[in-house]
C-alpha atoms as a PDB file:
ATOM      1  CA  MET A   1      50.219 -36.715  -7.144  1.00  0.00           C
ATOM      2  CA  ALA A   2      49.588 -38.591 -10.442  1.00  0.00           C
ATOM      3  CA  LEU A   3      48.585 -42.145 -10.378  1.00  0.00           C
ATOM      4  CA  THR A   4      51.298 -44.667 -10.047  1.00  0.00           C
ATOM      5  CA  SER A   5      50.204 -46.547 -12.955  1.00  0.00           C
ATOM      6  CA  PRO A   6      48.241 -45.575 -16.279  1.00  0.00           C
ATOM      7  CA  TRP A   7      44.662 -45.174 -15.675  1.00  0.00           C
ATOM      8  CA  THR A   8      42.259 -45.300 -18.809  1.00  0.00           C
ATOM      9  CA  HIS A   9      39.033 -46.085 -17.007  1.00  0.00           C
ATOM     10  CA  ARG A  10      35.953 -43.775 -17.594  1.00  0.00           C
ATOM     11  CA  HIS A  11      34.072 -46.045 -15.014  1.00  0.00           C
ATOM     12  CA  LEU A  12      34.538 -47.603 -11.746  1.00  0.00           C
ATOM     13  CA  LEU A  13      31.768 -50.317 -11.955  1.00  0.00           C
ATOM     14  CA  GLY A  14      33.784 -52.987  -9.384  1.00  0.00           C
ATOM     15  CA  LEU A  15      36.864 -54.298  -8.343  1.00  0.00           C
ATOM     16  CA  GLU A  16      36.370 -57.547 -10.166  1.00  0.00           C
ATOM     17  CA  GLN A  17      37.289 -55.843 -13.412  1.00  0.00           C
ATOM     18  CA  LEU A  18      40.497 -54.449 -12.167  1.00  0.00           C
ATOM     19  CA  THR A  19      44.228 -55.656 -11.839  1.00  0.00           C
ATOM     20  CA  ALA A  20      46.181 -55.664  -8.726  1.00  0.00           C
ATOM     21  CA  ALA A  21      48.494 -52.874 -10.115  1.00  0.00           C
ATOM     22  CA  GLU A  22      45.325 -50.632 -10.754  1.00  0.00           C
ATOM     23  CA  ILE A  23      43.937 -51.013  -7.346  1.00  0.00           C
ATOM     24  CA  VAL A  24      47.115 -50.284  -5.776  1.00  0.00           C
ATOM     25  CA  SER A  25      47.500 -47.184  -7.948  1.00  0.00           C
ATOM     26  CA  LEU A  26      43.854 -45.861  -6.376  1.00  0.00           C
ATOM     27  CA  LEU A  27      45.235 -46.482  -3.022  1.00  0.00           C
ATOM     28  CA  ASP A  28      48.291 -44.654  -3.436  1.00  0.00           C
ATOM     29  CA  HIS A  29      46.219 -41.895  -5.195  1.00  0.00           C
ATOM     30  CA  ALA A  30      43.889 -41.748  -2.213  1.00  0.00           C
ATOM     31  CA  ASP A  31      46.798 -41.513   0.161  1.00  0.00           C
ATOM     32  CA  SER A  32      48.124 -38.128  -1.516  1.00  0.00           C
ATOM     33  CA  PHE A  33      44.650 -37.003  -0.848  1.00  0.00           C
ATOM     34  CA  LEU A  34      44.710 -37.684   2.921  1.00  0.00           C
ATOM     35  CA  PRO A  35      46.008 -34.029   3.924  1.00  0.00           C
ATOM     36  CA  SER A  36      43.384 -32.383   2.181  1.00  0.00           C
ATOM     37  CA  CYS A  37      40.718 -34.473   3.886  1.00  0.00           C
ATOM     38  CA  LYS A  38      41.931 -33.867   7.198  1.00  0.00           C
ATOM     39  CA  ASP A  39      42.029 -29.952   6.716  1.00  0.00           C
ATOM     40  CA  PRO A  40      38.323 -28.672   6.414  1.00  0.00           C
ATOM     41  CA  GLY A  41      39.524 -25.519   5.002  1.00  0.00           C
ATOM     42  CA  ALA A  42      41.644 -27.019   2.011  1.00  0.00           C
ATOM     43  CA  LYS A  43      40.295 -26.355  -1.488  1.00  0.00           C
ATOM     44  CA  ARG A  44      41.940 -27.852  -4.638  1.00  0.00           C
ATOM     45  CA  THR A  45      41.132 -27.120  -8.291  1.00  0.00           C
ATOM     46  CA  ASP A  46      41.775 -30.498  -9.330  1.00  0.00           C
ATOM     47  CA  LEU A  47      38.457 -31.011 -11.067  1.00  0.00           C
ATOM     48  CA  ALA A  48      37.360 -27.252 -11.503  1.00  0.00           C
ATOM     49  CA  GLY A  49      35.114 -26.867 -14.212  1.00  0.00           C
ATOM     50  CA  LYS A  50      33.784 -30.464 -13.847  1.00  0.00           C
ATOM     51  CA  SER A  51      30.347 -31.546 -12.957  1.00  0.00           C
ATOM     52  CA  VAL A  52      29.362 -34.510 -10.962  1.00  0.00           C
ATOM     53  CA  VAL A  53      25.643 -35.670 -10.166  1.00  0.00           C
ATOM     54  CA  ASN A  54      25.085 -38.050  -7.296  1.00  0.00           C
ATOM     55  CA  LEU A  55      22.181 -40.129  -8.593  1.00  0.00           C
ATOM     56  CA  PHE A  56      20.933 -42.181  -5.517  1.00  0.00           C
ATOM     57  CA  PHE A  57      17.999 -44.418  -5.567  1.00  0.00           C
ATOM     58  CA  GLU A  58      18.620 -46.061  -2.308  1.00  0.00           C
ATOM     59  CA  ASN A  59      19.150 -44.114   1.223  1.00  0.00           C
ATOM     60  CA  SER A  60      22.807 -43.730   2.010  1.00  0.00           C
ATOM     61  CA  THR A  61      24.510 -41.106   4.715  1.00  0.00           C
ATOM     62  CA  ARG A  62      28.293 -41.833   4.642  1.00  0.00           C
ATOM     63  CA  THR A  63      28.584 -42.660   0.856  1.00  0.00           C
ATOM     64  CA  ARG A  64      26.429 -39.882  -0.428  1.00  0.00           C
ATOM     65  CA  VAL A  65      27.836 -37.357   1.955  1.00  0.00           C
ATOM     66  CA  SER A  66      31.417 -38.219   1.124  1.00  0.00           C
ATOM     67  CA  PHE A  67      31.088 -38.471  -2.563  1.00  0.00           C
ATOM     68  CA  GLY A  68      29.540 -34.725  -2.564  1.00  0.00           C
ATOM     69  CA  LEU A  69      32.131 -33.725  -0.102  1.00  0.00           C
ATOM     70  CA  ALA A  70      34.822 -35.147  -2.427  1.00  0.00           C
ATOM     71  CA  ALA A  71      33.754 -33.668  -5.521  1.00  0.00           C
ATOM     72  CA  ARG A  72      33.391 -29.983  -3.661  1.00  0.00           C
ATOM     73  CA  ARG A  73      37.014 -30.705  -2.319  1.00  0.00           C
ATOM     74  CA  LEU A  74      38.406 -31.100  -5.542  1.00  0.00           C
ATOM     75  CA  GLY A  75      36.584 -27.988  -7.137  1.00  0.00           C
ATOM     76  CA  ALA A  76      33.771 -29.681  -8.881  1.00  0.00           C
ATOM     77  CA  GLU A  77      30.227 -28.674  -9.111  1.00  0.00           C
ATOM     78  CA  VAL A  78      27.838 -31.184  -7.502  1.00  0.00           C
ATOM     79  CA  ILE A  79      24.095 -31.829  -8.268  1.00  0.00           C
ATOM     80  CA  ASP A  80      22.043 -33.900  -5.609  1.00  0.00           C
ATOM     81  CA  PHE A  81      19.441 -35.775  -7.471  1.00  0.00           C
ATOM     82  CA  ALA A  82      16.280 -36.073  -5.384  1.00  0.00           C
ATOM     83  CA  VAL A  83      14.485 -39.383  -6.717  1.00  0.00           C
ATOM     84  CA  GLY A  84      11.083 -38.315  -4.922  1.00  0.00           C
ATOM     85  CA  GLY A  85      10.667 -34.955  -6.714  1.00  0.00           C
ATOM     86  CA  SER A  86      11.996 -36.519 -10.076  1.00  0.00           C
ATOM     87  CA  SER A  87      10.250 -37.389 -13.631  1.00  0.00           C
ATOM     88  CA  VAL A  88      11.123 -41.022 -12.321  1.00  0.00           C
ATOM     89  CA  SER A  89       7.997 -40.752  -9.928  1.00  0.00           C
ATOM     90  CA  LYS A  90       5.883 -39.776 -13.424  1.00  0.00           C
ATOM     91  CA  GLY A  91       7.266 -43.209 -15.276  1.00  0.00           C
ATOM     92  CA  GLU A  92      10.477 -41.789 -16.922  1.00  0.00           C
ATOM     93  CA  THR A  93      12.981 -44.709 -17.285  1.00  0.00           C
ATOM     94  CA  PHE A  94      16.314 -44.738 -15.174  1.00  0.00           C
ATOM     95  CA  VAL A  95      18.451 -44.537 -18.295  1.00  0.00           C
ATOM     96  CA  ASP A  96      16.442 -41.482 -19.838  1.00  0.00           C
ATOM     97  CA  THR A  97      16.738 -39.672 -16.572  1.00  0.00           C
ATOM     98  CA  ALA A  98      20.407 -40.173 -16.562  1.00  0.00           C
ATOM     99  CA  ARG A  99      20.753 -39.386 -20.330  1.00  0.00           C
ATOM    100  CA  ASN A 100      18.711 -36.101 -19.775  1.00  0.00           C
ATOM    101  CA  ILE A 101      20.873 -35.311 -16.957  1.00  0.00           C
ATOM    102  CA  GLU A 102      23.869 -35.529 -19.030  1.00  0.00           C
ATOM    103  CA  ALA A 103      22.575 -33.545 -21.528  1.00  0.00           C
ATOM    104  CA  LEU A 104      23.103 -30.571 -18.894  1.00  0.00           C
ATOM    105  CA  GLY A 105      26.969 -31.167 -19.169  1.00  0.00           C
ATOM    106  CA  ILE A 106      27.710 -33.608 -16.673  1.00  0.00           C
ATOM    107  CA  HIS A 107      31.101 -35.358 -16.561  1.00  0.00           C
ATOM    108  CA  MET A 108      30.781 -38.078 -13.792  1.00  0.00           C
ATOM    109  CA  VAL A 109      27.711 -39.824 -12.489  1.00  0.00           C
ATOM    110  CA  VAL A 110      27.546 -41.471  -9.261  1.00  0.00           C
ATOM    111  CA  VAL A 111      24.910 -43.838  -8.862  1.00  0.00           C
ATOM    112  CA  ARG A 112      23.497 -46.178  -6.171  1.00  0.00           C
ATOM    113  CA  HIS A 113      20.509 -48.593  -6.973  1.00  0.00           C
ATOM    114  CA  SER A 114      18.913 -51.530  -5.225  1.00  0.00           C
ATOM    115  CA  CYS A 115      19.238 -53.571  -8.575  1.00  0.00           C
ATOM    116  CA  PRO A 116      22.518 -55.338  -9.494  1.00  0.00           C
ATOM    117  CA  GLY A 117      24.062 -54.171 -12.802  1.00  0.00           C
ATOM    118  CA  THR A 118      22.479 -50.618 -13.087  1.00  0.00           C
ATOM    119  CA  PRO A 119      25.737 -48.878 -13.040  1.00  0.00           C
ATOM    120  CA  HIS A 120      27.161 -51.295 -15.997  1.00  0.00           C
ATOM    121  CA  LEU A 121      23.768 -50.591 -17.940  1.00  0.00           C
ATOM    122  CA  LEU A 122      24.167 -46.599 -17.424  1.00  0.00           C
ATOM    123  CA  ALA A 123      27.877 -47.145 -18.378  1.00  0.00           C
ATOM    124  CA  GLN A 124      26.602 -48.633 -21.581  1.00  0.00           C
ATOM    125  CA  HIS A 125      24.297 -45.358 -22.632  1.00  0.00           C
ATOM    126  CA  LEU A 126      26.467 -42.723 -21.146  1.00  0.00           C
ATOM    127  CA  ARG A 127      29.419 -40.507 -22.478  1.00  0.00           C
ATOM    128  CA  ALA A 128      29.976 -39.317 -18.912  1.00  0.00           C
ATOM    129  CA  GLY A 129      31.925 -41.401 -16.591  1.00  0.00           C
ATOM    130  CA  VAL A 130      30.135 -43.867 -14.108  1.00  0.00           C
ATOM    131  CA  VAL A 131      30.840 -44.683 -10.493  1.00  0.00           C
ATOM    132  CA  ASN A 132      29.250 -47.380  -8.755  1.00  0.00           C
ATOM    133  CA  ALA A 133      28.276 -46.398  -5.202  1.00  0.00           C
ATOM    134  CA  GLY A 134      26.537 -49.743  -4.345  1.00  0.00           C
ATOM    135  CA  ASP A 135      24.223 -51.916  -6.922  1.00  0.00           C
ATOM    136  CA  GLY A 136      22.050 -54.131  -4.961  1.00  0.00           C
ATOM    137  CA  ALA A 137      24.108 -57.214  -3.387  1.00  0.00           C
ATOM    138  CA  HIS A 138      26.821 -57.020  -6.217  1.00  0.00           C
ATOM    139  CA  GLU A 139      29.447 -54.544  -5.758  1.00  0.00           C
ATOM    140  CA  HIS A 140      30.515 -51.599  -3.732  1.00  0.00           C
ATOM    141  CA  PRO A 141      33.841 -50.806  -4.916  1.00  0.00           C
ATOM    142  CA  THR A 142      34.592 -47.612  -3.021  1.00  0.00           C
ATOM    143  CA  GLN A 143      33.983 -49.155   0.090  1.00  0.00           C
ATOM    144  CA  GLY A 144      36.204 -52.169  -0.674  1.00  0.00           C
ATOM    145  CA  LEU A 145      39.063 -49.513  -1.501  1.00  0.00           C
ATOM    146  CA  LEU A 146      38.661 -47.831   1.646  1.00  0.00           C
ATOM    147  CA  ASP A 147      38.647 -51.130   3.635  1.00  0.00           C
ATOM    148  CA  LEU A 148      41.890 -51.966   1.904  1.00  0.00           C
ATOM    149  CA  LEU A 149      43.726 -48.542   2.523  1.00  0.00           C
ATOM    150  CA  THR A 150      42.471 -48.818   6.267  1.00  0.00           C
ATOM    151  CA  ILE A 151      44.137 -52.252   6.462  1.00  0.00           C
ATOM    152  CA  ARG A 152      47.122 -50.767   4.743  1.00  0.00           C
ATOM    153  CA  GLN A 153      47.396 -47.939   6.846  1.00  0.00           C
ATOM    154  CA  ARG A 154      47.102 -49.870  10.235  1.00  0.00           C
ATOM    155  CA  LEU A 155      49.111 -53.111   9.349  1.00  0.00           C
ATOM    156  CA  GLY A 156      51.491 -51.730   6.803  1.00  0.00           C
ATOM    157  CA  ARG A 157      50.418 -54.567   4.068  1.00  0.00           C
ATOM    158  CA  ILE A 158      47.905 -56.724   2.796  1.00  0.00           C
ATOM    159  CA  GLU A 159      49.581 -59.676   1.197  1.00  0.00           C
ATOM    160  CA  GLY A 160      49.819 -62.474   3.594  1.00  0.00           C
ATOM    161  CA  LEU A 161      47.315 -61.217   5.874  1.00  0.00           C
ATOM    162  CA  THR A 162      44.052 -63.403   7.121  1.00  0.00           C
ATOM    163  CA  VAL A 163      40.838 -61.187   6.987  1.00  0.00           C
ATOM    164  CA  ALA A 164      37.415 -62.458   7.920  1.00  0.00           C
ATOM    165  CA  LEU A 165      34.202 -60.796   6.841  1.00  0.00           C
ATOM    166  CA  VAL A 166      31.782 -61.687   9.343  1.00  0.00           C
ATOM    167  CA  GLY A 167      27.939 -61.645   9.155  1.00  0.00           C
ATOM    168  CA  ASP A 168      25.610 -61.178   6.383  1.00  0.00           C
ATOM    169  CA  ILE A 169      27.554 -62.248   3.432  1.00  0.00           C
ATOM    170  CA  ARG A 170      24.583 -63.389   1.257  1.00  0.00           C
ATOM    171  CA  HIS A 171      23.222 -59.518   0.977  1.00  0.00           C
ATOM    172  CA  SER A 172      26.490 -57.882   1.215  1.00  0.00           C
ATOM    173  CA  ARG A 173      27.853 -56.015  -1.784  1.00  0.00           C
ATOM    174  CA  VAL A 174      30.802 -54.817   0.492  1.00  0.00           C
ATOM    175  CA  ALA A 175      31.703 -58.639   1.224  1.00  0.00           C
ATOM    176  CA  ARG A 176      32.017 -58.821  -2.634  1.00  0.00           C
ATOM    177  CA  SER A 177      33.974 -55.809  -3.313  1.00  0.00           C
ATOM    178  CA  ASN A 178      36.348 -56.723  -0.507  1.00  0.00           C
ATOM    179  CA  ILE A 179      36.845 -60.280  -1.768  1.00  0.00           C
ATOM    180  CA  HIS A 180      37.771 -59.205  -5.059  1.00  0.00           C
ATOM    181  CA  GLY A 181      40.403 -56.652  -3.794  1.00  0.00           C
ATOM    182  CA  LEU A 182      41.858 -58.922  -0.905  1.00  0.00           C
ATOM    183  CA  LEU A 183      42.547 -61.728  -3.092  1.00  0.00           C
ATOM    184  CA  LYS A 184      44.108 -59.567  -5.706  1.00  0.00           C
ATOM    185  CA  LEU A 185      46.347 -58.185  -3.271  1.00  0.00           C
ATOM    186  CA  GLY A 186      47.510 -61.581  -1.728  1.00  0.00           C
ATOM    187  CA  ALA A 187      45.434 -61.702   1.245  1.00  0.00           C
ATOM    188  CA  ARG A 188      43.700 -64.969   2.644  1.00  0.00           C
ATOM    189  CA  VAL A 189      40.004 -64.544   3.055  1.00  0.00           C
ATOM    190  CA  ILE A 190      37.737 -66.322   5.511  1.00  0.00           C
ATOM    191  CA  VAL A 191      33.776 -65.477   4.939  1.00  0.00           C
ATOM    192  CA  CYS A 192      31.912 -66.461   8.627  1.00  0.00           C
ATOM    193  CA  GLY A 193      28.251 -66.495   9.363  1.00  0.00           C
ATOM    194  CA  PRO A 194      25.336 -68.285   9.771  1.00  0.00           C
ATOM    195  CA  PRO A 195      24.920 -70.941   7.205  1.00  0.00           C
ATOM    196  CA  THR A 196      21.569 -69.235   6.072  1.00  0.00           C
ATOM    197  CA  LEU A 197      23.639 -66.108   5.555  1.00  0.00           C
ATOM    198  CA  VAL A 198      26.847 -67.653   3.783  1.00  0.00           C
ATOM    199  CA  PRO A 199      25.844 -68.820   0.005  1.00  0.00           C
ATOM    200  CA  PRO A 200      27.452 -71.861  -0.989  1.00  0.00           C
ATOM    201  CA  GLU A 201      28.386 -70.413  -4.385  1.00  0.00           C
ATOM    202  CA  ILE A 202      30.559 -67.780  -2.545  1.00  0.00           C
ATOM    203  CA  CYS A 203      33.684 -70.548  -2.433  1.00  0.00           C
ATOM    204  CA  ALA A 204      33.906 -69.983  -6.285  1.00  0.00           C
ATOM    205  CA  MET A 205      35.327 -66.637  -5.265  1.00  0.00           C
ATOM    206  CA  GLY A 206      38.433 -68.159  -3.699  1.00  0.00           C
ATOM    207  CA  VAL A 207      37.532 -67.694  -0.025  1.00  0.00           C
ATOM    208  CA  GLU A 208      37.343 -70.093   2.668  1.00  0.00           C
ATOM    209  CA  VAL A 209      33.995 -70.844   4.637  1.00  0.00           C
ATOM    210  CA  ALA A 210      33.532 -70.851   8.478  1.00  0.00           C
ATOM    211  CA  HIS A 211      30.388 -70.846  10.597  1.00  0.00           C
ATOM    212  CA  ASP A 212      32.101 -70.757  14.001  1.00  0.00           C
ATOM    213  CA  LEU A 213      33.740 -67.607  14.929  1.00  0.00           C
ATOM    214  CA  ASP A 214      35.504 -68.254  18.044  1.00  0.00           C
ATOM    215  CA  ARG A 215      37.463 -70.996  16.089  1.00  0.00           C
ATOM    216  CA  ILE A 216      39.031 -68.750  13.520  1.00  0.00           C
ATOM    217  CA  LEU A 217      39.523 -65.556  15.953  1.00  0.00           C
ATOM    218  CA  PRO A 218      43.066 -66.573  16.586  1.00  0.00           C
ATOM    219  CA  GLU A 219      44.260 -67.121  12.930  1.00  0.00           C
ATOM    220  CA  CYS A 220      42.819 -63.504  11.590  1.00  0.00           C
ATOM    221  CA  HIS A 221      44.466 -60.377  11.412  1.00  0.00           C
ATOM    222  CA  VAL A 222      41.498 -58.542  10.491  1.00  0.00           C
ATOM    223  CA  LEU A 223      37.930 -58.657  11.411  1.00  0.00           C
ATOM    224  CA  ASN A 224      35.535 -56.717   8.926  1.00  0.00           C
ATOM    225  CA  VAL A 225      32.351 -56.890  10.763  1.00  0.00           C
ATOM    226  CA  LEU A 226      29.102 -56.557   8.187  1.00  0.00           C
ATOM    227  CA  ARG A 227      26.001 -55.152   8.900  1.00  0.00           C
ATOM    228  CA  ILE A 228      22.831 -57.435   9.426  1.00  0.00           C
ATOM    229  CA  GLN A 229      20.708 -55.910   6.496  1.00  0.00           C
ATOM    230  CA  PHE A 230      17.493 -56.589   8.065  1.00  0.00           C
ATOM    231  CA  GLU A 231      15.810 -54.599   5.153  1.00  0.00           C
ATOM    232  CA  ARG A 232      16.968 -57.321   2.746  1.00  0.00           C
ATOM    233  CA  GLN A 233      16.050 -60.463   4.784  1.00  0.00           C
ATOM    234  CA  LYS A 234      13.491 -62.512   3.129  1.00  0.00           C
ATOM    235  CA  GLY A 235      12.192 -66.094   4.828  1.00  0.00           C
ATOM    236  CA  PRO A 236      13.656 -67.420   8.025  1.00  0.00           C
ATOM    237  CA  ASN A 237      17.299 -66.659   6.863  1.00  0.00           C
ATOM    238  CA  PHE A 238      18.060 -64.876  10.154  1.00  0.00           C
ATOM    239  CA  PRO A 239      18.628 -66.703  13.328  1.00  0.00           C
ATOM    240  CA  GLY A 240      17.468 -63.818  15.517  1.00  0.00           C
ATOM    241  CA  VAL A 241      19.117 -60.982  17.248  1.00  0.00           C
ATOM    242  CA  ARG A 242      19.987 -62.646  20.583  1.00  0.00           C
ATOM    243  CA  GLU A 243      21.173 -66.135  19.134  1.00  0.00           C
ATOM    244  CA  TYR A 244      23.013 -64.089  16.130  1.00  0.00           C
ATOM    245  CA  PHE A 245      24.918 -61.945  18.942  1.00  0.00           C
ATOM    246  CA  HIS A 246      25.599 -65.017  21.008  1.00  0.00           C
ATOM    247  CA  LEU A 247      27.360 -66.595  17.935  1.00  0.00           C
ATOM    248  CA  TYR A 248      29.030 -63.739  16.141  1.00  0.00           C
ATOM    249  CA  GLY A 249      28.601 -60.505  18.084  1.00  0.00           C
ATOM    250  CA  VAL A 250      32.181 -58.914  18.627  1.00  0.00           C
ATOM    251  CA  THR A 251      32.378 -58.303  22.068  1.00  0.00           C
ATOM    252  CA  LYS A 252      35.275 -57.319  24.440  1.00  0.00           C
ATOM    253  CA  GLU A 253      35.564 -60.868  25.793  1.00  0.00           C
ATOM    254  CA  ARG A 254      35.622 -62.318  22.559  1.00  0.00           C
ATOM    255  CA  LEU A 255      38.102 -59.975  21.199  1.00  0.00           C
ATOM    256  CA  ALA A 256      40.214 -60.953  24.168  1.00  0.00           C
ATOM    257  CA  ARG A 257      40.484 -64.509  22.660  1.00  0.00           C
ATOM    258  CA  ALA A 258      41.453 -63.216  19.016  1.00  0.00           C
ATOM    259  CA  ARG A 259      44.861 -62.690  17.539  1.00  0.00           C
ATOM    260  CA  GLN A 260      47.053 -59.957  19.295  1.00  0.00           C
ATOM    261  CA  GLY A 261      46.716 -56.648  17.368  1.00  0.00           C
ATOM    262  CA  VAL A 262      43.563 -57.574  15.334  1.00  0.00           C
ATOM    263  CA  LEU A 263      42.356 -55.051  13.589  1.00  0.00           C
ATOM    264  CA  VAL A 264      38.275 -54.399  13.669  1.00  0.00           C
ATOM    265  CA  LEU A 265      36.643 -52.754  10.692  1.00  0.00           C
ATOM    266  CA  ALA A 266      32.636 -52.180  10.132  1.00  0.00           C
ATOM    267  CA  PRO A 267      31.463 -50.618   7.129  1.00  0.00           C
ATOM    268  CA  GLY A 268      28.428 -49.170   8.750  1.00  0.00           C
ATOM    269  CA  PRO A 269      25.991 -48.275   9.651  1.00  0.00           C
ATOM    270  CA  ILE A 270      26.246 -50.347  12.899  1.00  0.00           C
ATOM    271  CA  ASN A 271      23.845 -51.918  14.580  1.00  0.00           C
ATOM    272  CA  ARG A 272      25.047 -51.786  18.164  1.00  0.00           C
ATOM    273  CA  GLY A 273      24.675 -55.047  20.237  1.00  0.00           C
ATOM    274  CA  VAL A 274      23.778 -57.054  17.233  1.00  0.00           C
ATOM    275  CA  GLU A 275      27.280 -56.912  15.370  1.00  0.00           C
ATOM    276  CA  LEU A 276      29.690 -55.147  17.619  1.00  0.00           C
ATOM    277  CA  THR A 277      29.289 -53.864  21.438  1.00  0.00           C
ATOM    278  CA  PRO A 278      30.140 -50.290  21.808  1.00  0.00           C
ATOM    279  CA  GLU A 279      33.398 -51.143  23.798  1.00  0.00           C
ATOM    280  CA  VAL A 280      34.557 -52.653  20.525  1.00  0.00           C
ATOM    281  CA  ALA A 281      33.271 -50.022  18.100  1.00  0.00           C
ATOM    282  CA  ASP A 282      34.689 -47.355  20.150  1.00  0.00           C
ATOM    283  CA  GLY A 283      37.867 -49.143  21.318  1.00  0.00           C
ATOM    284  CA  PRO A 284      41.593 -49.027  20.281  1.00  0.00           C
ATOM    285  CA  SER A 285      40.976 -52.239  17.839  1.00  0.00           C
ATOM    286  CA  SER A 286      38.491 -50.062  15.967  1.00  0.00           C
ATOM    287  CA  ALA A 287      39.221 -48.006  12.760  1.00  0.00           C
ATOM    288  CA  VAL A 288      35.694 -47.309  12.231  1.00  0.00           C
ATOM    289  CA  LEU A 289      36.360 -43.597  12.144  1.00  0.00           C
ATOM    290  CA  ASP A 290      39.522 -43.785   9.976  1.00  0.00           C
ATOM    291  CA  GLN A 291      37.550 -45.726   7.460  1.00  0.00           C
ATOM    292  CA  VAL A 292      35.164 -42.787   7.095  1.00  0.00           C
ATOM    293  CA  THR A 293      38.241 -40.311   6.789  1.00  0.00           C
ATOM    294  CA  ASN A 294      39.920 -42.911   4.215  1.00  0.00           C
ATOM    295  CA  GLY A 295      36.214 -42.830   2.047  1.00  0.00           C
ATOM    296  CA  LEU A 296      36.684 -39.356   1.527  1.00  0.00           C
ATOM    297  CA  ALA A 297      40.323 -39.763   0.298  1.00  0.00           C
ATOM    298  CA  VAL A 298      39.286 -42.659  -1.943  1.00  0.00           C
ATOM    299  CA  ARG A 299      36.396 -41.076  -3.537  1.00  0.00           C
ATOM    300  CA  MET A 300      38.670 -37.929  -4.176  1.00  0.00           C
ATOM    301  CA  ALA A 301      41.120 -40.436  -5.985  1.00  0.00           C
ATOM    302  CA  VAL A 302      38.535 -42.350  -8.112  1.00  0.00           C
ATOM    303  CA  LEU A 303      36.303 -38.845  -9.174  1.00  0.00           C
ATOM    304  CA  ASP A 304      39.750 -37.443  -9.902  1.00  0.00           C
ATOM    305  CA  ALA A 305      40.933 -40.375 -12.057  1.00  0.00           C
ATOM    306  CA  CYS A 306      37.792 -41.078 -13.821  1.00  0.00           C
ATOM    307  CA  VAL A 307      36.987 -37.577 -14.545  1.00  0.00           C
ATOM    308  CA  LYS A 308      40.458 -37.225 -15.993  1.00  0.00           C
ATOM    309  CA  ALA A 309      40.166 -40.260 -18.172  1.00  0.00           C
ATOM    310  CA  VAL A 310      36.836 -38.780 -19.607  1.00  0.00           C
ATOM    311  CA  GLY A 311      38.581 -35.909 -20.843  1.00  0.00           C
END
């Protein structure tokens, strides 16, 4: 299935730069790949003869595996770059490493890095396409797209819905990609968490801010429960696990006070007993595993669209 609107981008660096029509086009394109995602034996040739390198400078499970599997399902050759055994450890610059890999005939680079803006820098120096798989606390566009796809699947629309992003907003690239995508598609967005984990400047993105989860629960069609990023916490921003769970943990009892039919998302990995209880994570309101499947479809769609734009 072709994209529903023309796609001319070699890169996917974030959702901030995309129009609503371009986002919807990628979601529709991802829908067309879902049958292949659900059939482990399905083999496609959309990207036969193309090569994709996973250039991950941060730890990852779902995203890295998903991109690799997406490329292979499309018939592309996949190279997984191991930072530990590379020339980066000898002092080679990030850009030089990428350019040397590109010289081997790479068509697409999927990059994750702890420094915001790294994929944008790479896109300025490479002829190959660049897909942002997460850059610091800036954006994670394919996670934003898979969350949008899951909401649309489960609830039939995005426009007019109220979506709460709950938890560690300050350090969350997922939150920022979700905000850009949701607002462009007509949703109302509330960010909710402890005052120390919700930066004041987030209001400039067009969202509402709340610090009382119980107060907003009856208004929300979707709760997207973000992971507390303990590895990024600096100083006394985090109130402590027990206090956080008491105020913001999504439990079966708390969910019973929410809007009927509320959808629960979690980008993962989940800290069970901190952000979600097992009853909620594995319960009927949860779409966590649907998100994983949809992530494969979204990454197939993104790779297909961007590689073909590269030519």
